[in-house]
PDB file of N, CA and C in Angstrom:
ATOM      1  N   MET A   1     -17.261  15.667  -3.594  1.00  0.00           N
ATOM      2  CA  MET A   1     -15.863  15.825  -3.256  1.00  0.00           C
ATOM      3  C   MET A   1     -15.229  16.819  -4.162  1.00  0.00           C
ATOM      4  N   LYS A   2     -14.468  17.723  -3.539  1.00  0.00           N
ATOM      5  CA  LYS A   2     -13.678  18.855  -4.314  1.00  0.00           C
ATOM      6  C   LYS A   2     -12.268  18.043  -4.814  1.00  0.00           C
ATOM      7  N   ARG A   3     -12.055  18.269  -6.155  1.00  0.00           N
ATOM      8  CA  ARG A   3     -10.963  17.556  -6.753  1.00  0.00           C
ATOM      9  C   ARG A   3      -9.966  18.702  -7.161  1.00  0.00           C
ATOM     10  N   ASP A   4      -8.623  18.442  -7.159  1.00  0.00           N
ATOM     11  CA  ASP A   4      -7.628  19.247  -7.644  1.00  0.00           C
ATOM     12  C   ASP A   4      -7.638  19.452  -9.138  1.00  0.00           C
ATOM     13  N   ILE A   5      -7.413  20.596  -9.630  1.00  0.00           N
ATOM     14  CA  ILE A   5      -7.190  20.888 -11.058  1.00  0.00           C
ATOM     15  C   ILE A   5      -6.276  20.074 -11.773  1.00  0.00           C
ATOM     16  N   PHE A   6      -5.274  19.608 -11.027  1.00  0.00           N
ATOM     17  CA  PHE A   6      -4.343  18.763 -11.903  1.00  0.00           C
ATOM     18  C   PHE A   6      -4.880  17.352 -11.955  1.00  0.00           C
ATOM     19  N   GLN A   7      -5.726  16.968 -11.059  1.00  0.00           N
ATOM     20  CA  GLN A   7      -6.376  15.517 -11.434  1.00  0.00           C
ATOM     21  C   GLN A   7      -7.124  15.589 -12.693  1.00  0.00           C
ATOM     22  N   ALA A   8      -7.542  16.886 -12.983  1.00  0.00           N
ATOM     23  CA  ALA A   8      -8.394  16.853 -14.391  1.00  0.00           C
ATOM     24  C   ALA A   8      -7.455  16.560 -15.526  1.00  0.00           C
ATOM     25  N   ILE A   9      -6.214  17.178 -15.551  1.00  0.00           N
ATOM     26  CA  ILE A   9      -5.318  16.786 -16.693  1.00  0.00           C
ATOM     27  C   ILE A   9      -4.319  15.742 -16.516  1.00  0.00           C
ATOM     28  N   ALA A  10      -4.399  14.921 -15.510  1.00  0.00           N
ATOM     29  CA  ALA A  10      -3.605  13.904 -15.196  1.00  0.00           C
ATOM     30  C   ALA A  10      -3.849  12.819 -16.186  1.00  0.00           C
ATOM     31  N   ASP A  11      -5.015  12.495 -16.622  1.00  0.00           N
ATOM     32  CA  ASP A  11      -5.155  11.523 -17.627  1.00  0.00           C
ATOM     33  C   ASP A  11      -5.390  11.972 -19.098  1.00  0.00           C
ATOM     34  N   PRO A  12      -4.719  11.114 -19.978  1.00  0.00           N
ATOM     35  CA  PRO A  12      -4.729  11.585 -21.430  1.00  0.00           C
ATOM     36  C   PRO A  12      -6.348  11.576 -21.909  1.00  0.00           C
ATOM     37  N   THR A  13      -7.145  10.736 -21.538  1.00  0.00           N
ATOM     38  CA  THR A  13      -8.410  10.810 -22.015  1.00  0.00           C
ATOM     39  C   THR A  13      -9.097  12.236 -21.609  1.00  0.00           C
ATOM     40  N   ARG A  14      -8.812  12.545 -20.371  1.00  0.00           N
ATOM     41  CA  ARG A  14      -9.473  13.750 -19.929  1.00  0.00           C
ATOM     42  C   ARG A  14      -8.863  15.053 -20.717  1.00  0.00           C
ATOM     43  N   ARG A  15      -7.617  14.964 -20.883  1.00  0.00           N
ATOM     44  CA  ARG A  15      -6.921  16.009 -21.627  1.00  0.00           C
ATOM     45  C   ARG A  15      -7.545  16.027 -23.157  1.00  0.00           C
ATOM     46  N   GLY A  16      -7.925  14.918 -23.714  1.00  0.00           N
ATOM     47  CA  GLY A  16      -8.513  14.775 -25.093  1.00  0.00           C
ATOM     48  C   GLY A  16      -9.911  15.533 -24.889  1.00  0.00           C
ATOM     49  N   ILE A  17     -10.656  15.064 -23.994  1.00  0.00           N
ATOM     50  CA  ILE A  17     -12.021  15.645 -23.837  1.00  0.00           C
ATOM     51  C   ILE A  17     -11.956  17.268 -23.604  1.00  0.00           C
ATOM     52  N   ILE A  18     -11.042  17.703 -22.847  1.00  0.00           N
ATOM     53  CA  ILE A  18     -10.765  19.171 -22.781  1.00  0.00           C
ATOM     54  C   ILE A  18     -10.482  19.839 -24.170  1.00  0.00           C
ATOM     55  N   ALA A  19      -9.579  19.131 -24.722  1.00  0.00           N
ATOM     56  CA  ALA A  19      -9.368  19.630 -26.304  1.00  0.00           C
ATOM     57  C   ALA A  19     -10.553  19.628 -27.156  1.00  0.00           C
ATOM     58  N   LEU A  20     -11.353  18.670 -27.028  1.00  0.00           N
ATOM     59  CA  LEU A  20     -12.436  18.596 -27.804  1.00  0.00           C
ATOM     60  C   LEU A  20     -13.567  19.761 -27.351  1.00  0.00           C
ATOM     61  N   ILE A  21     -13.898  19.926 -26.189  1.00  0.00           N
ATOM     62  CA  ILE A  21     -14.870  20.797 -25.678  1.00  0.00           C
ATOM     63  C   ILE A  21     -14.383  22.245 -25.530  1.00  0.00           C
ATOM     64  N   ALA A  22     -13.059  22.517 -26.010  1.00  0.00           N
ATOM     65  CA  ALA A  22     -12.602  23.895 -25.987  1.00  0.00           C
ATOM     66  C   ALA A  22     -12.837  24.412 -27.210  1.00  0.00           C
ATOM     67  N   ILE A  23     -13.144  23.657 -28.315  1.00  0.00           N
ATOM     68  CA  ILE A  23     -13.595  24.106 -29.522  1.00  0.00           C
ATOM     69  C   ILE A  23     -15.142  24.322 -29.628  1.00  0.00           C
ATOM     70  N   GLN A  24     -15.860  23.528 -29.149  1.00  0.00           N
ATOM     71  CA  GLN A  24     -17.311  23.663 -28.906  1.00  0.00           C
ATOM     72  C   GLN A  24     -17.839  22.830 -27.912  1.00  0.00           C
ATOM     73  N   ALA A  25     -19.004  23.226 -27.336  1.00  0.00           N
ATOM     74  CA  ALA A  25     -19.891  22.461 -26.418  1.00  0.00           C
ATOM     75  C   ALA A  25     -20.359  21.166 -27.181  1.00  0.00           C
ATOM     76  N   MET A  26     -20.259  20.193 -26.197  1.00  0.00           N
ATOM     77  CA  MET A  26     -20.665  18.782 -26.907  1.00  0.00           C
ATOM     78  C   MET A  26     -21.345  17.843 -25.970  1.00  0.00           C
ATOM     79  N   THR A  27     -22.211  17.119 -26.397  1.00  0.00           N
ATOM     80  CA  THR A  27     -23.070  16.181 -25.616  1.00  0.00           C
ATOM     81  C   THR A  27     -22.117  14.931 -25.195  1.00  0.00           C
ATOM     82  N   PRO A  28     -22.563  14.109 -24.241  1.00  0.00           N
ATOM     83  CA  PRO A  28     -21.697  12.998 -23.799  1.00  0.00           C
ATOM     84  C   PRO A  28     -21.568  12.085 -24.912  1.00  0.00           C
ATOM     85  N   ASN A  29     -22.512  11.810 -25.617  1.00  0.00           N
ATOM     86  CA  ASN A  29     -22.471  10.798 -26.872  1.00  0.00           C
ATOM     87  C   ASN A  29     -21.527  11.386 -27.851  1.00  0.00           C
ATOM     88  N   ALA A  30     -21.588  12.690 -28.218  1.00  0.00           N
ATOM     89  CA  ALA A  30     -20.646  13.101 -29.278  1.00  0.00           C
ATOM     90  C   ALA A  30     -19.217  12.939 -28.746  1.00  0.00           C
ATOM     91  N   ILE A  31     -18.993  13.321 -27.444  1.00  0.00           N
ATOM     92  CA  ILE A  31     -17.584  13.160 -26.964  1.00  0.00           C
ATOM     93  C   ILE A  31     -17.087  11.692 -26.945  1.00  0.00           C
ATOM     94  N   ALA A  32     -18.049  10.760 -26.541  1.00  0.00           N
ATOM     95  CA  ALA A  32     -17.666   9.370 -26.477  1.00  0.00           C
ATOM     96  C   ALA A  32     -17.276   8.832 -27.894  1.00  0.00           C
ATOM     97  N   GLU A  33     -17.904   9.344 -28.937  1.00  0.00           N
ATOM     98  CA  GLU A  33     -17.472   9.008 -30.305  1.00  0.00           C
ATOM     99  C   GLU A  33     -16.112   9.075 -30.705  1.00  0.00           C
ATOM    100  N   HIS A  34     -15.196  10.083 -29.947  1.00  0.00           N
ATOM    101  CA  HIS A  34     -14.034  10.264 -30.382  1.00  0.00           C
ATOM    102  C   HIS A  34     -13.036   9.380 -29.586  1.00  0.00           C
ATOM    103  N   PHE A  35     -13.507   8.512 -28.671  1.00  0.00           N
ATOM    104  CA  PHE A  35     -12.647   7.720 -27.974  1.00  0.00           C
ATOM    105  C   PHE A  35     -12.920   6.131 -28.188  1.00  0.00           C
ATOM    106  N   ASP A  36     -11.883   5.356 -28.070  1.00  0.00           N
ATOM    107  CA  ASP A  36     -12.018   3.874 -28.002  1.00  0.00           C
ATOM    108  C   ASP A  36     -12.318   3.340 -26.573  1.00  0.00           C
ATOM    109  N   THR A  37     -13.376   3.764 -26.048  1.00  0.00           N
ATOM    110  CA  THR A  37     -13.783   3.312 -24.641  1.00  0.00           C
ATOM    111  C   THR A  37     -15.193   3.426 -24.638  1.00  0.00           C
ATOM    112  N   SER A  38     -15.711   2.828 -23.302  1.00  0.00           N
ATOM    113  CA  SER A  38     -17.103   2.637 -23.303  1.00  0.00           C
ATOM    114  C   SER A  38     -17.729   4.204 -22.902  1.00  0.00           C
ATOM    115  N   ARG A  39     -18.988   4.327 -23.197  1.00  0.00           N
ATOM    116  CA  ARG A  39     -19.817   5.388 -22.819  1.00  0.00           C
ATOM    117  C   ARG A  39     -19.702   5.800 -21.205  1.00  0.00           C
ATOM    118  N   GLN A  40     -19.712   4.544 -20.487  1.00  0.00           N
ATOM    119  CA  GLN A  40     -19.502   4.809 -19.088  1.00  0.00           C
ATOM    120  C   GLN A  40     -18.194   5.296 -18.579  1.00  0.00           C
ATOM    121  N   ALA A  41     -17.195   4.825 -19.333  1.00  0.00           N
ATOM    122  CA  ALA A  41     -15.856   5.347 -18.940  1.00  0.00           C
ATOM    123  C   ALA A  41     -15.810   6.829 -19.227  1.00  0.00           C
ATOM    124  N   VAL A  42     -16.309   7.239 -20.392  1.00  0.00           N
ATOM    125  CA  VAL A  42     -16.334   8.638 -20.736  1.00  0.00           C
ATOM    126  C   VAL A  42     -17.144   9.464 -19.759  1.00  0.00           C
ATOM    127  N   SER A  43     -18.283   8.903 -19.272  1.00  0.00           N
ATOM    128  CA  SER A  43     -19.001   9.659 -18.221  1.00  0.00           C
ATOM    129  C   SER A  43     -18.357   9.749 -16.853  1.00  0.00           C
ATOM    130  N   LYS A  44     -17.441   8.768 -16.589  1.00  0.00           N
ATOM    131  CA  LYS A  44     -16.630   9.063 -15.410  1.00  0.00           C
ATOM    132  C   LYS A  44     -15.703  10.049 -15.513  1.00  0.00           C
ATOM    133  N   HIS A  45     -15.004  10.095 -16.668  1.00  0.00           N
ATOM    134  CA  HIS A  45     -14.176  11.289 -16.949  1.00  0.00           C
ATOM    135  C   HIS A  45     -14.836  12.568 -17.017  1.00  0.00           C
ATOM    136  N   LEU A  46     -16.110  12.594 -17.494  1.00  0.00           N
ATOM    137  CA  LEU A  46     -16.892  13.895 -17.386  1.00  0.00           C
ATOM    138  C   LEU A  46     -17.224  14.215 -15.987  1.00  0.00           C
ATOM    139  N   ARG A  47     -17.455  13.321 -15.181  1.00  0.00           N
ATOM    140  CA  ARG A  47     -17.718  13.626 -13.729  1.00  0.00           C
ATOM    141  C   ARG A  47     -16.712  14.120 -13.012  1.00  0.00           C
ATOM    142  N   ILE A  48     -15.179  13.528 -13.309  1.00  0.00           N
ATOM    143  CA  ILE A  48     -14.093  14.008 -12.663  1.00  0.00           C
ATOM    144  C   ILE A  48     -13.759  15.458 -13.201  1.00  0.00           C
ATOM    145  N   LEU A  49     -14.068  15.721 -14.544  1.00  0.00           N
ATOM    146  CA  LEU A  49     -13.785  16.953 -14.825  1.00  0.00           C
ATOM    147  C   LEU A  49     -14.829  18.120 -14.300  1.00  0.00           C
ATOM    148  N   THR A  50     -15.937  17.623 -14.122  1.00  0.00           N
ATOM    149  CA  THR A  50     -16.890  18.478 -13.486  1.00  0.00           C
ATOM    150  C   THR A  50     -16.660  18.705 -12.115  1.00  0.00           C
ATOM    151  N   GLU A  51     -16.364  17.650 -11.300  1.00  0.00           N
ATOM    152  CA  GLU A  51     -15.866  17.965  -9.875  1.00  0.00           C
ATOM    153  C   GLU A  51     -14.640  18.684  -9.803  1.00  0.00           C
ATOM    154  N   CYS A  52     -13.848  18.753 -10.773  1.00  0.00           N
ATOM    155  CA  CYS A  52     -12.490  19.681 -10.859  1.00  0.00           C
ATOM    156  C   CYS A  52     -12.874  21.089 -11.268  1.00  0.00           C
ATOM    157  N   GLU A  53     -14.150  21.244 -11.634  1.00  0.00           N
ATOM    158  CA  GLU A  53     -14.707  22.512 -12.211  1.00  0.00           C
ATOM    159  C   GLU A  53     -13.958  23.084 -13.326  1.00  0.00           C
ATOM    160  N   VAL A  54     -13.443  21.941 -14.217  1.00  0.00           N
ATOM    161  CA  VAL A  54     -12.869  22.439 -15.482  1.00  0.00           C
ATOM    162  C   VAL A  54     -13.954  22.535 -16.598  1.00  0.00           C
ATOM    163  N   ILE A  55     -15.126  21.626 -16.339  1.00  0.00           N
ATOM    164  CA  ILE A  55     -16.051  21.882 -17.376  1.00  0.00           C
ATOM    165  C   ILE A  55     -17.528  22.020 -16.680  1.00  0.00           C
ATOM    166  N   LYS A  56     -18.415  22.578 -17.384  1.00  0.00           N
ATOM    167  CA  LYS A  56     -19.772  22.633 -16.638  1.00  0.00           C
ATOM    168  C   LYS A  56     -20.694  22.135 -17.720  1.00  0.00           C
ATOM    169  N   GLN A  57     -21.931  21.822 -17.157  1.00  0.00           N
ATOM    170  CA  GLN A  57     -23.044  21.182 -17.891  1.00  0.00           C
ATOM    171  C   GLN A  57     -24.063  22.383 -18.204  1.00  0.00           C
ATOM    172  N   GLU A  58     -24.670  22.218 -19.242  1.00  0.00           N
ATOM    173  CA  GLU A  58     -25.896  23.110 -19.542  1.00  0.00           C
ATOM    174  C   GLU A  58     -26.879  22.216 -20.377  1.00  0.00           C
ATOM    175  N   GLN A  59     -27.957  22.339 -19.834  1.00  0.00           N
ATOM    176  CA  GLN A  59     -29.231  21.660 -20.329  1.00  0.00           C
ATOM    177  C   GLN A  59     -29.702  22.436 -21.484  1.00  0.00           C
ATOM    178  N   LYS A  60     -29.917  21.799 -22.630  1.00  0.00           N
ATOM    179  CA  LYS A  60     -30.575  22.514 -23.846  1.00  0.00           C
ATOM    180  C   LYS A  60     -31.571  21.519 -24.296  1.00  0.00           C
ATOM    181  N   GLY A  61     -32.804  21.836 -24.037  1.00  0.00           N
ATOM    182  CA  GLY A  61     -33.953  20.724 -24.428  1.00  0.00           C
ATOM    183  C   GLY A  61     -33.626  19.455 -23.659  1.00  0.00           C
ATOM    184  N   ARG A  62     -33.522  18.378 -24.492  1.00  0.00           N
ATOM    185  CA  ARG A  62     -33.495  17.105 -23.861  1.00  0.00           C
ATOM    186  C   ARG A  62     -32.017  16.691 -23.674  1.00  0.00           C
ATOM    187  N   GLU A  63     -30.988  17.674 -24.251  1.00  0.00           N
ATOM    188  CA  GLU A  63     -29.696  17.151 -24.199  1.00  0.00           C
ATOM    189  C   GLU A  63     -28.864  18.015 -23.163  1.00  0.00           C
ATOM    190  N   ILE A  64     -27.763  17.315 -22.712  1.00  0.00           N
ATOM    191  CA  ILE A  64     -26.890  18.027 -21.772  1.00  0.00           C
ATOM    192  C   ILE A  64     -25.712  18.313 -22.575  1.00  0.00           C
ATOM    193  N   TYR A  65     -25.120  19.527 -22.628  1.00  0.00           N
ATOM    194  CA  TYR A  65     -23.887  19.847 -23.256  1.00  0.00           C
ATOM    195  C   TYR A  65     -22.945  20.259 -22.272  1.00  0.00           C
ATOM    196  N   TYR A  66     -21.626  19.834 -22.514  1.00  0.00           N
ATOM    197  CA  TYR A  66     -20.451  20.053 -21.782  1.00  0.00           C
ATOM    198  C   TYR A  66     -19.552  21.246 -22.372  1.00  0.00           C
ATOM    199  N   MET A  67     -19.320  22.099 -21.624  1.00  0.00           N
ATOM    200  CA  MET A  67     -18.432  23.187 -22.167  1.00  0.00           C
ATOM    201  C   MET A  67     -17.355  23.555 -21.172  1.00  0.00           C
ATOM    202  N   LEU A  68     -16.220  24.193 -21.457  1.00  0.00           N
ATOM    203  CA  LEU A  68     -15.065  24.337 -20.986  1.00  0.00           C
ATOM    204  C   LEU A  68     -15.210  25.449 -20.055  1.00  0.00           C
ATOM    205  N   GLU A  69     -14.800  25.478 -18.891  1.00  0.00           N
ATOM    206  CA  GLU A  69     -14.580  26.804 -17.884  1.00  0.00           C
ATOM    207  C   GLU A  69     -13.280  27.209 -17.985  1.00  0.00           C
ATOM    208  N   ILE A  70     -13.140  28.334 -18.998  1.00  0.00           N
ATOM    209  CA  ILE A  70     -11.868  28.949 -19.237  1.00  0.00           C
ATOM    210  C   ILE A  70     -11.206  29.305 -18.006  1.00  0.00           C
ATOM    211  N   GLU A  71     -11.769  29.974 -17.101  1.00  0.00           N
ATOM    212  CA  GLU A  71     -11.218  30.638 -15.930  1.00  0.00           C
ATOM    213  C   GLU A  71     -10.490  29.699 -15.072  1.00  0.00           C
ATOM    214  N   LYS A  72     -11.057  28.498 -14.899  1.00  0.00           N
ATOM    215  CA  LYS A  72     -10.425  27.467 -14.222  1.00  0.00           C
ATOM    216  C   LYS A  72      -9.037  26.930 -14.986  1.00  0.00           C
ATOM    217  N   MET A  73      -9.063  27.017 -16.281  1.00  0.00           N
ATOM    218  CA  MET A  73      -7.990  26.596 -17.011  1.00  0.00           C
ATOM    219  C   MET A  73      -6.675  27.531 -16.731  1.00  0.00           C
ATOM    220  N   LYS A  74      -7.150  28.704 -16.519  1.00  0.00           N
ATOM    221  CA  LYS A  74      -6.115  29.652 -16.087  1.00  0.00           C
ATOM    222  C   LYS A  74      -5.246  29.384 -14.894  1.00  0.00           C
ATOM    223  N   GLU A  75      -5.862  28.681 -13.963  1.00  0.00           N
ATOM    224  CA  GLU A  75      -5.296  28.370 -12.874  1.00  0.00           C
ATOM    225  C   GLU A  75      -3.889  27.563 -13.314  1.00  0.00           C
ATOM    226  N   ILE A  76      -4.099  26.589 -14.199  1.00  0.00           N
ATOM    227  CA  ILE A  76      -3.041  25.779 -14.742  1.00  0.00           C
ATOM    228  C   ILE A  76      -1.965  26.814 -15.296  1.00  0.00           C
ATOM    229  N   ASP A  77      -2.312  27.668 -16.041  1.00  0.00           N
ATOM    230  CA  ASP A  77      -1.321  28.547 -16.902  1.00  0.00           C
ATOM    231  C   ASP A  77      -0.757  29.517 -15.844  1.00  0.00           C
ATOM    232  N   LYS A  78      -1.352  29.788 -14.777  1.00  0.00           N
ATOM    233  CA  LYS A  78      -0.665  30.666 -13.677  1.00  0.00           C
ATOM    234  C   LYS A  78       0.355  29.823 -12.956  1.00  0.00           C
ATOM    235  N   TRP A  79       0.077  28.445 -12.743  1.00  0.00           N
ATOM    236  CA  TRP A  79       1.029  27.524 -12.036  1.00  0.00           C
ATOM    237  C   TRP A  79       2.219  27.315 -13.005  1.00  0.00           C
ATOM    238  N   LEU A  80       1.953  27.170 -14.305  1.00  0.00           N
ATOM    239  CA  LEU A  80       3.113  26.942 -15.115  1.00  0.00           C
ATOM    240  C   LEU A  80       3.962  28.222 -15.457  1.00  0.00           C
ATOM    241  N   ALA A  81       3.393  29.346 -15.245  1.00  0.00           N
ATOM    242  CA  ALA A  81       4.176  30.648 -15.571  1.00  0.00           C
ATOM    243  C   ALA A  81       5.213  30.713 -14.716  1.00  0.00           C
ATOM    244  N   GLN A  82       5.303  30.375 -13.413  1.00  0.00           N
ATOM    245  CA  GLN A  82       6.348  30.405 -12.644  1.00  0.00           C
ATOM    246  C   GLN A  82       7.553  29.536 -13.056  1.00  0.00           C
ATOM    247  N   TYR A  83       7.357  28.361 -13.604  1.00  0.00           N
ATOM    248  CA  TYR A  83       8.368  27.681 -14.351  1.00  0.00           C
ATOM    249  C   TYR A  83       8.698  28.135 -15.648  1.00  0.00           C
ATOM    250  N   ARG A  84       7.904  28.759 -16.308  1.00  0.00           N
ATOM    251  CA  ARG A  84       8.130  29.259 -17.794  1.00  0.00           C
ATOM    252  C   ARG A  84       9.181  30.420 -17.413  1.00  0.00           C
ATOM    253  N   LYS A  85       9.117  31.232 -16.369  1.00  0.00           N
ATOM    254  CA  LYS A  85      10.027  32.294 -16.253  1.00  0.00           C
ATOM    255  C   LYS A  85      11.443  31.670 -15.980  1.00  0.00           C
ATOM    256  N   ILE A  86      11.503  30.629 -15.183  1.00  0.00           N
ATOM    257  CA  ILE A  86      12.771  29.820 -14.866  1.00  0.00           C
ATOM    258  C   ILE A  86      13.368  29.443 -16.110  1.00  0.00           C
ATOM    259  N   TRP A  87      12.548  28.641 -17.030  1.00  0.00           N
ATOM    260  CA  TRP A  87      13.097  28.214 -18.238  1.00  0.00           C
ATOM    261  C   TRP A  87      13.588  29.261 -19.325  1.00  0.00           C
ATOM    262  N   GLU A  88      12.905  30.357 -19.368  1.00  0.00           N
ATOM    263  CA  GLU A  88      13.106  31.436 -20.324  1.00  0.00           C
ATOM    264  C   GLU A  88      14.637  32.073 -19.755  1.00  0.00           C
ATOM    265  N   SER A  89      14.773  32.211 -18.350  1.00  0.00           N
ATOM    266  CA  SER A  89      15.956  32.699 -17.825  1.00  0.00           C
ATOM    267  C   SER A  89      17.162  31.941 -18.186  1.00  0.00           C
ATOM    268  N   ARG A  90      17.031  30.543 -18.157  1.00  0.00           N
ATOM    269  CA  ARG A  90      18.091  29.439 -18.476  1.00  0.00           C
ATOM    270  C   ARG A  90      18.436  29.480 -19.839  1.00  0.00           C
ATOM    271  N   PHE A  91      17.362  29.659 -20.721  1.00  0.00           N
ATOM    272  CA  PHE A  91      17.649  29.554 -22.113  1.00  0.00           C
ATOM    273  C   PHE A  91      18.260  30.893 -22.531  1.00  0.00           C
ATOM    274  N   GLU A  92      18.030  32.120 -21.913  1.00  0.00           N
ATOM    275  CA  GLU A  92      18.819  33.208 -22.005  1.00  0.00           C
ATOM    276  C   GLU A  92      20.339  33.161 -21.610  1.00  0.00           C
ATOM    277  N   GLN A  93      20.365  32.549 -20.413  1.00  0.00           N
ATOM    278  CA  GLN A  93      21.966  32.219 -19.965  1.00  0.00           C
ATOM    279  C   GLN A  93      22.624  31.287 -20.903  1.00  0.00           C
ATOM    280  N   LEU A  94      22.065  30.329 -21.460  1.00  0.00           N
ATOM    281  CA  LEU A  94      22.556  29.314 -22.421  1.00  0.00           C
ATOM    282  C   LEU A  94      22.907  30.119 -23.672  1.00  0.00           C
ATOM    283  N   GLY A  95      22.060  30.983 -24.044  1.00  0.00           N
ATOM    284  CA  GLY A  95      22.351  31.745 -25.350  1.00  0.00           C
ATOM    285  C   GLY A  95      23.593  32.732 -25.063  1.00  0.00           C
ATOM    286  N   GLU A  96      23.799  33.222 -23.884  1.00  0.00           N
ATOM    287  CA  GLU A  96      24.909  34.144 -23.524  1.00  0.00           C
ATOM    288  C   GLU A  96      26.198  33.209 -23.600  1.00  0.00           C
ATOM    289  N   VAL A  97      26.243  32.091 -23.073  1.00  0.00           N
ATOM    290  CA  VAL A  97      27.352  31.035 -22.921  1.00  0.00           C
ATOM    291  C   VAL A  97      27.713  30.708 -24.195  1.00  0.00           C
ATOM    292  N   LEU A  98      26.784  30.496 -25.094  1.00  0.00           N
ATOM    293  CA  LEU A  98      27.042  29.982 -26.553  1.00  0.00           C
ATOM    294  C   LEU A  98      27.705  31.171 -27.369  1.00  0.00           C
ATOM    295  N   ALA A  99      27.267  32.325 -27.068  1.00  0.00           N
ATOM    296  CA  ALA A  99      27.762  33.526 -27.699  1.00  0.00           C
ATOM    297  C   ALA A  99      29.307  33.837 -27.426  1.00  0.00           C
ATOM    298  N   ILE A 100      29.487  33.528 -26.149  1.00  0.00           N
ATOM    299  CA  ILE A 100      30.908  33.698 -25.464  1.00  0.00           C
ATOM    300  C   ILE A 100      31.846  32.685 -26.208  1.00  0.00           C
ATOM    301  N   MET A 101      31.208  31.392 -26.264  1.00  0.00           N
ATOM    302  CA  MET A 101      31.988  30.346 -26.805  1.00  0.00           C
ATOM    303  C   MET A 101      32.289  30.587 -28.229  1.00  0.00           C
ATOM    304  N   LYS A 102      31.332  31.063 -28.982  1.00  0.00           N
ATOM    305  CA  LYS A 102      31.443  31.318 -30.392  1.00  0.00           C
ATOM    306  C   LYS A 102      32.607  32.267 -30.620  1.00  0.00           C
ATOM    307  N   LYS A 103      32.577  33.437 -29.712  1.00  0.00           N
ATOM    308  CA  LYS A 103      33.408  34.603 -29.864  1.00  0.00           C
ATOM    309  C   LYS A 103      34.953  34.024 -29.539  1.00  0.00           C
ATOM    310  N   GLU A 104      35.068  33.169 -28.548  1.00  0.00           N
ATOM    311  CA  GLU A 104      36.423  32.517 -28.149  1.00  0.00           C
ATOM    312  C   GLU A 104      36.878  31.447 -29.286  1.00  0.00           C
ATOM    313  N   ASN A 105      35.840  30.865 -29.828  1.00  0.00           N
ATOM    314  CA  ASN A 105      36.369  29.956 -30.867  1.00  0.00           C
ATOM    315  C   ASN A 105      36.715  30.660 -32.191  1.00  0.00           C
ATOM    316  N   ALA A 106      36.138  31.806 -32.322  1.00  0.00           N
ATOM    317  CA  ALA A 106      36.537  32.597 -33.538  1.00  0.00           C
ATOM    318  C   ALA A 106      37.993  33.214 -33.374  1.00  0.00           C
ATOM    319  N   LYS A 107      38.227  33.596 -32.139  1.00  0.00           N
ATOM    320  CA  LYS A 107      39.495  34.209 -31.843  1.00  0.00           C
ATOM    321  C   LYS A 107      40.688  33.263 -32.000  1.00  0.00           C
ATOM    322  N   GLY A 108      40.300  32.043 -31.643  1.00  0.00           N
ATOM    323  CA  GLY A 108      41.453  30.950 -31.649  1.00  0.00           C
ATOM    324  C   GLY A 108      41.642  30.457 -33.056  1.00  0.00           C
ATOM    325  N   GLU A 109      40.824  30.624 -34.000  1.00  0.00           N
ATOM    326  CA  GLU A 109      41.073  30.239 -35.439  1.00  0.00           C
ATOM    327  C   GLU A 109      41.991  31.079 -36.257  1.00  0.00           C
TER     328      GLU A 109
END
């Protein structure tokens, strides 16, 4: 089943897993050590992240390592970019209004 990228980041545990493996590839057991949840719960999160194509598996000897798919994370950044432009524009407008108010206040004193 193909999942949406935003399902991957909807859960705080999955965001935590993403943060962990963004630094280095890790085994499921190493990932599970960082959470107060069962190994099975972590495996479910890993499955969802894999289905969302945010992480990938790589077999190294007898171990499976999970690593981040940077290109997939860029989809989130592109989606956020449209809102970032709006927020920046509004902050600039606010700065202009505050500057006008400051000038008017200085004239009135």
